[in-house]
Protein backbone atom coordinates (compact mmCIF):
# COMPACT_ATOMS: atom_id res chain seq x y z
CA MET A 1 103.54 114.22 81.51
CA ILE A 2 105.56 112.95 83.47
CA PRO A 3 109.60 112.58 83.12
CA ARG A 4 110.44 109.40 82.63
CA THR A 5 113.43 110.62 85.03
CA LEU A 6 110.75 111.32 87.62
CA ALA A 7 109.17 107.68 86.78
CA ARG A 8 112.28 106.35 87.56
CA LYS A 9 113.22 107.57 90.59
CA GLN A 10 109.53 107.06 91.88
CA ARG A 11 109.82 103.18 91.05
CA LEU A 12 113.29 103.61 92.45
CA ILE A 13 111.99 105.14 96.07
CA LEU A 14 109.59 102.47 95.66
CA LEU A 15 111.94 99.55 95.71
CA VAL A 16 113.86 101.30 98.34
CA GLY A 17 111.05 101.14 100.81
CA LEU A 18 110.00 97.46 100.28
CA GLY A 19 113.33 96.91 101.08
CA LEU A 20 113.18 98.51 104.26
CA ILE A 21 109.78 97.85 105.55
CA ALA A 22 111.54 94.03 104.54
CA VAL A 23 114.26 94.67 107.02
CA VAL A 24 112.29 96.14 109.99
CA ALA A 25 109.74 93.63 109.05
CA VAL A 26 112.32 90.72 110.10
CA VAL A 27 113.54 93.20 112.49
CA SER A 28 109.93 93.59 114.20
CA MET A 29 110.09 89.13 113.86
CA GLY A 30 112.49 88.49 116.20
CA LEU A 31 112.46 91.00 118.73
CA GLY A 32 110.22 90.95 121.28
CA TYR A 33 109.51 89.58 125.01
CA ALA A 34 109.15 86.51 123.70
CA SER A 35 112.29 86.42 121.84
CA LEU A 36 113.00 84.19 118.65
CA SER A 37 116.50 84.17 117.37
CA PHE A 38 117.12 85.32 113.57
CA ASP A 39 117.88 82.33 112.99
CA ARG A 40 115.52 80.60 113.39
CA LEU A 41 113.61 82.64 111.58
CA LEU A 42 113.53 80.94 108.08
CA PRO A 43 113.08 77.21 109.47
CA VAL A 44 110.09 78.51 111.61
CA LEU A 45 108.16 80.29 108.83
CA LEU A 46 109.10 77.04 106.46
CA GLY A 47 107.32 75.01 109.30
CA GLN A 48 110.42 73.68 110.97
CA GLY A 49 110.03 75.05 114.29
CA THR A 50 108.73 74.17 118.08
CA PHE A 51 105.35 74.92 118.99
CA LYS A 52 106.37 78.14 121.05
CA GLU A 53 108.52 79.52 117.65
CA GLU A 54 105.46 79.06 115.52
CA PHE A 55 103.23 79.77 118.12
CA VAL A 56 104.96 83.02 119.07
CA LEU A 57 106.10 83.72 114.59
CA PHE A 58 102.44 83.05 113.16
CA SER A 59 100.36 83.74 116.16
CA VAL A 60 102.13 86.97 117.85
CA ARG A 61 104.48 89.14 115.81
CA LEU A 62 103.12 88.14 112.82
CA PRO A 63 99.49 89.68 112.44
CA ARG A 64 100.74 92.03 114.94
CA ILE A 65 102.97 92.97 111.72
CA PHE A 66 100.54 93.08 108.90
CA ILE A 67 98.07 94.93 111.91
CA THR A 68 100.49 97.20 111.80
CA LEU A 69 101.78 97.96 108.20
CA LEU A 70 98.57 98.40 107.03
CA SER A 71 96.94 101.13 109.24
CA GLY A 72 100.01 102.91 108.62
CA MET A 73 98.99 102.78 104.60
CA ALA A 74 95.57 104.28 105.62
CA LEU A 75 96.06 106.49 107.81
CA ALA A 76 99.18 107.49 105.38
CA LEU A 77 96.56 107.65 102.25
CA SER A 78 93.93 109.78 104.44
CA GLY A 79 96.86 111.98 105.08
CA SER A 80 97.28 112.69 101.57
CA ILE A 81 94.10 112.54 100.08
CA LEU A 82 92.91 115.39 102.42
CA GLN A 83 96.62 117.47 101.65
CA SER A 84 95.00 117.85 98.75
CA VAL A 85 91.86 117.98 98.79
CA THR A 86 92.17 121.03 101.32
CA ARG A 87 94.97 122.54 100.06
CA ASN A 88 96.14 122.58 103.35
CA GLU A 89 99.71 120.91 104.32
CA LEU A 90 98.46 120.65 108.17
CA ALA A 91 95.65 118.43 107.30
CA ASP A 92 95.68 114.99 108.97
CA PRO A 93 92.98 112.69 110.22
CA GLY A 94 94.19 112.66 113.52
CA ILE A 95 94.93 116.38 113.91
CA ILE A 96 91.57 117.29 112.36
CA GLY A 97 89.31 115.20 114.23
CA ILE A 98 88.32 112.90 112.43
CA ASN A 99 90.14 109.84 114.00
CA SER A 100 88.19 111.76 117.21
CA GLY A 101 85.33 111.19 116.08
CA ALA A 102 85.63 107.38 114.74
CA GLY A 103 87.27 106.46 118.89
CA VAL A 104 83.47 108.48 120.13
CA GLY A 105 81.83 105.74 117.75
CA ILE A 106 83.83 102.61 119.10
CA ALA A 107 83.54 104.10 122.61
CA ILE A 108 79.83 104.13 122.10
CA PHE A 109 78.89 100.62 120.34
CA PHE A 110 81.62 98.61 122.22
CA LEU A 111 80.04 99.89 125.83
CA TYR A 112 76.06 99.94 124.88
CA VAL A 113 75.64 97.40 121.97
CA PRO A 114 75.53 93.41 122.68
CA VAL A 115 77.18 91.86 119.29
CA SER A 116 78.92 88.62 118.79
CA VAL A 117 82.55 88.16 119.34
CA GLY A 118 82.48 86.70 115.83
CA SER A 119 81.22 89.80 113.82
CA PHE A 120 82.81 92.05 116.63
CA VAL A 121 86.11 92.30 114.04
CA TYR A 122 84.01 93.38 110.62
CA VAL A 123 81.61 95.45 112.60
CA LEU A 124 84.79 97.62 114.07
CA PRO A 125 85.64 99.76 111.02
CA LEU A 126 82.00 100.26 109.64
CA VAL A 127 81.54 101.39 112.99
CA ALA A 128 84.82 103.18 112.95
CA PHE A 129 83.53 105.04 109.38
CA ILE A 130 79.96 105.99 110.62
CA GLY A 131 81.78 108.13 113.75
CA ALA A 132 84.09 109.16 111.48
CA LEU A 133 81.71 110.33 108.81
CA LEU A 134 80.01 112.65 111.08
CA THR A 135 82.37 114.26 112.60
CA ALA A 136 83.34 114.87 109.10
CA ALA A 137 80.50 116.10 107.94
CA LEU A 138 80.28 118.81 111.01
CA ILE A 139 83.58 119.53 110.81
CA TYR A 140 82.82 120.52 106.50
CA ALA A 141 80.17 122.49 106.87
CA PHE A 142 81.85 124.78 109.48
CA SER A 143 84.21 125.15 107.06
CA TYR A 144 82.72 126.14 104.45
CA SER A 145 80.98 129.83 103.45
CA ARG A 146 79.16 129.97 100.13
CA SER A 147 81.26 133.03 99.10
CA ARG A 148 84.25 131.41 99.21
CA GLY A 149 83.96 128.02 99.59
CA LEU A 150 86.22 125.52 101.57
CA ASP A 151 88.46 127.58 103.63
CA PRO A 152 92.07 125.27 104.51
CA ILE A 153 92.95 127.07 107.28
CA ARG A 154 89.86 127.58 108.96
CA LEU A 155 89.43 123.57 108.66
CA VAL A 156 92.12 122.92 110.39
CA LEU A 157 90.95 124.76 113.28
CA VAL A 158 87.66 123.49 113.41
CA GLY A 159 89.02 120.38 113.07
CA VAL A 160 91.46 120.83 116.54
CA GLY A 161 88.16 122.36 118.10
CA PHE A 162 86.16 119.05 117.00
CA SER A 163 88.99 116.79 118.02
CA LEU A 164 89.08 118.46 122.02
CA ALA A 165 85.18 118.42 122.54
CA LEU A 166 85.52 114.32 121.37
CA SER A 167 88.44 113.63 123.08
CA GLY A 168 86.18 115.34 126.99
CA ILE A 169 83.34 113.36 125.29
CA MET A 170 85.40 110.28 125.53
CA ILE A 171 86.30 111.56 129.18
CA VAL A 172 82.63 111.30 129.52
CA ILE A 173 81.85 108.27 128.39
CA ILE A 174 84.26 106.56 130.44
CA SER A 175 83.40 107.65 133.51
CA ALA A 176 79.97 106.18 132.90
CA ALA A 177 81.80 103.42 131.97
CA GLU A 178 82.58 98.99 133.54
CA ARG A 179 86.76 99.35 134.70
CA SER A 180 86.76 96.41 132.36
CA LYS A 181 86.02 97.86 129.43
CA VAL A 182 87.40 101.26 130.73
CA ASP A 183 90.83 99.76 129.83
CA PHE A 184 90.33 99.12 126.53
CA ILE A 185 89.23 102.43 125.35
CA SER A 186 92.05 103.29 127.48
CA LYS A 187 94.53 101.29 125.33
CA TRP A 188 92.89 103.06 121.90
CA LEU A 189 93.02 106.30 123.19
CA ALA A 190 96.86 105.52 123.89
CA GLY A 191 96.98 104.34 120.24
CA ASN A 192 98.27 100.94 121.41
CA ILE A 193 97.60 98.47 118.34
CA TRP A 194 95.34 96.48 119.84
CA GLY A 195 93.88 94.87 117.26
CA THR A 196 96.22 91.94 116.40
CA ASP A 197 94.90 88.54 115.53
CA TRP A 198 94.67 87.56 111.61
CA PRO A 199 90.76 88.47 111.36
CA PHE A 200 91.70 91.90 112.12
CA ILE A 201 93.78 91.77 108.85
CA TRP A 202 90.63 90.01 106.63
CA ALA A 203 88.54 93.43 108.32
CA LEU A 204 91.10 95.76 107.42
CA LEU A 205 92.94 94.16 104.08
CA PRO A 206 89.09 94.74 101.63
CA TRP A 207 88.92 98.62 102.74
CA LEU A 208 92.79 99.59 101.47
CA ILE A 209 92.42 96.87 98.34
CA LEU A 210 89.04 99.38 97.23
CA LEU A 211 90.62 102.62 98.32
CA ILE A 212 93.83 102.48 97.34
CA PRO A 213 92.77 102.14 94.03
CA PHE A 214 90.28 103.77 93.31
CA THR A 215 92.43 107.02 95.26
CA LEU A 216 94.91 106.42 92.35
CA TYR A 217 92.19 106.50 89.83
CA LYS A 218 91.52 109.72 90.98
CA ALA A 219 94.64 110.82 90.90
CA GLN A 220 94.43 113.53 88.27
CA ARG A 221 90.88 115.03 89.72
CA LEU A 222 93.39 115.38 93.33
CA ASN A 223 95.83 117.36 91.16
CA LEU A 224 93.95 119.67 90.27
CA LEU A 225 91.64 120.16 93.03
CA SER A 226 95.01 120.83 94.78
CA LEU A 227 95.03 124.35 92.78
CA ASN A 228 92.81 126.98 92.96
CA GLU A 229 89.23 126.88 92.63
CA GLU A 230 89.06 128.86 89.57
CA SER A 231 91.25 127.07 87.87
CA ALA A 232 89.77 123.76 88.93
CA ARG A 233 86.50 124.79 87.42
CA GLY A 234 88.43 126.44 84.52
CA VAL A 235 88.88 122.43 83.45
CA GLY A 236 85.52 121.20 83.75
CA LEU A 237 85.42 119.83 87.56
CA ASN A 238 82.92 119.30 89.41
CA LEU A 239 84.54 120.67 92.02
CA GLU A 240 82.10 120.09 95.17
CA ARG A 241 81.26 116.38 93.47
CA GLU A 242 84.60 115.18 93.64
CA ARG A 243 85.65 116.91 97.05
CA LEU A 244 83.13 115.15 98.75
CA MET A 245 83.68 111.90 97.34
CA LEU A 246 87.25 112.17 97.98
CA ILE A 247 86.67 113.29 101.31
CA VAL A 248 84.70 110.16 102.04
CA THR A 249 87.01 107.72 101.05
CA ALA A 250 90.02 109.45 103.61
CA VAL A 251 87.20 109.26 106.29
CA ALA A 252 86.57 105.75 105.17
CA SER A 253 90.96 105.31 104.94
CA ALA A 254 91.66 106.38 108.40
CA ALA A 255 87.98 104.87 110.38
CA ALA A 256 89.71 101.58 108.79
CA ALA A 257 92.66 101.67 109.98
CA VAL A 258 92.46 103.12 113.00
CA SER A 259 89.75 100.93 114.35
CA VAL A 260 92.08 98.38 115.57
CA THR A 261 95.18 100.43 116.49
CA GLY A 262 93.54 102.93 118.57
CA GLY A 263 94.42 106.76 118.35
CA ILE A 264 96.97 107.21 115.79
CA ALA A 265 97.53 110.80 114.63
CA PHE A 266 100.39 111.81 112.12
CA VAL A 267 101.42 109.16 110.35
CA GLY A 268 99.01 110.82 107.73
CA LEU A 269 100.69 114.22 108.25
CA MET A 270 104.68 112.95 107.75
CA ALA A 271 103.97 110.48 105.23
CA PRO A 272 103.23 112.64 102.67
CA HIS A 273 105.16 115.45 103.19
CA ILE A 274 108.81 113.28 103.25
CA ALA A 275 106.99 112.19 99.59
CA LYS A 276 106.70 115.45 98.12
CA THR A 277 109.62 115.86 99.51
CA LEU A 278 111.17 113.17 97.33
CA VAL A 279 109.10 112.57 94.37
CA GLY A 280 107.21 116.26 93.80
CA PRO A 281 103.69 116.88 94.57
CA ARG A 282 101.32 115.30 91.80
CA ASN A 283 99.67 112.72 93.17
CA GLN A 284 100.15 109.73 91.27
CA LEU A 285 103.85 110.10 91.69
CA PHE A 286 103.79 110.68 95.95
CA ILE A 287 100.54 109.07 96.86
CA PRO A 288 102.67 104.98 96.35
CA VAL A 289 105.38 106.25 97.89
CA ALA A 290 103.94 107.69 100.85
CA VAL A 291 101.22 104.73 101.60
CA LEU A 292 104.80 102.80 101.90
CA LEU A 293 106.44 105.00 104.02
CA GLY A 294 103.59 105.57 105.96
CA GLY A 295 103.27 101.54 106.53
CA LEU A 296 106.94 101.61 107.34
CA LEU A 297 107.15 104.35 109.86
CA LEU A 298 104.12 103.18 111.65
CA LEU A 299 105.82 99.23 111.88
CA LEU A 300 109.13 100.70 112.91
CA SER A 301 107.48 102.47 115.77
CA ASP A 302 105.94 100.45 116.54
CA THR A 303 108.45 97.32 116.77
CA ILE A 304 110.66 99.62 119.01
CA GLY A 305 108.11 100.94 121.53
CA ARG A 306 106.77 97.37 122.15
CA ASN A 307 111.12 96.55 122.80
CA ILE A 308 111.81 99.58 124.64
CA VAL A 309 110.03 98.28 128.30
CA ASP A 310 109.19 95.39 129.16
CA PRO A 311 107.27 93.00 129.20
CA ASP A 312 104.20 95.66 127.18
CA GLY A 313 106.30 98.41 125.87
CA ILE A 314 105.26 101.97 124.52
CA PRO A 315 102.29 102.28 122.24
CA ALA A 316 102.77 102.61 118.73
CA GLY A 317 100.61 105.92 119.09
CA ILE A 318 102.88 107.63 121.69
CA MET A 319 106.62 106.79 119.83
CA VAL A 320 104.61 108.47 116.88
CA SER A 321 103.83 111.25 118.61
CA LEU A 322 107.55 111.97 119.90
CA ILE A 323 108.36 112.44 116.24
CA GLY A 324 105.62 113.80 114.86
CA VAL A 325 104.73 116.75 117.44
CA PRO A 326 108.05 118.44 116.65
CA TYR A 327 107.66 118.29 112.67
CA PHE A 328 104.51 119.58 113.06
CA ALA A 329 105.53 122.40 115.32
CA TYR A 330 108.18 122.61 112.28
CA LEU A 331 105.53 122.55 109.97
CA LEU A 332 103.52 125.35 112.11
CA LEU A 333 106.15 127.42 111.87
CA LYS A 334 107.58 127.22 108.25
CA LYS A 335 104.17 127.98 107.02
């Protein structure tokens, strides 16, 4: 039973988070290489702007804002699930190699598989999911022991090793590719928000519509998985089935995000931690907060990054890493 005061605190934090997202989104609409004054935002949104203003807002800024927001939410959801399932606070889809697996899958698909432009957008998350799922299966196999079950510390170490190995494979793939296609892969590796058209939103949104409610439905089981294995088995939980199902959910969420934003790490690490600090470790409380914080963090990082240096700015993945690496080091020292 969740105390009323904690539930009210969660609702208040969610409202504040939505307000902050709205503020950052408005700032992001107005700032950029092609300026759009803030006093013109409302008229343009109501269809009273010039052709240039409407093009900048509806074809450039708004799709990027929505993609960044949704991707940050998906990465935070993935990190929240992984931390609960593995009982390891350092688990993150970028750190343990899942993002790298998705990246290798995307690189091979982009370079060697002919596909029509119209279907490319919608096939990409599925390709990323297959690459990430194969990587996650290998990491799980190397981290699992019949006598001790899944070793959380070993999982992170194996994941980091796979991440490095997959980065090497990516370099080999790039070295044999055409220059025009290498530019795309390079942007992906840097965490550059490249899928900034409306079709990418429609390709990503269904994954979140399915995965977020499913994860919240499984929140009580995640609470049990966060305990030791003996306690989880003692209440009749089918440990391996639930763990496998939730890991697949985390992989799908991360793969859908990185397929359009590139290799972005640390969002899935930081958002759940901050959410747990605010509302506690219960999954049904902190996951909604973490999802909002993930969207806010990536949207803020992208807004700052693309306005620091003209005209291309700094990729969102690099901006997040500037915050995430010190935070990761702090967690290592703490734990």
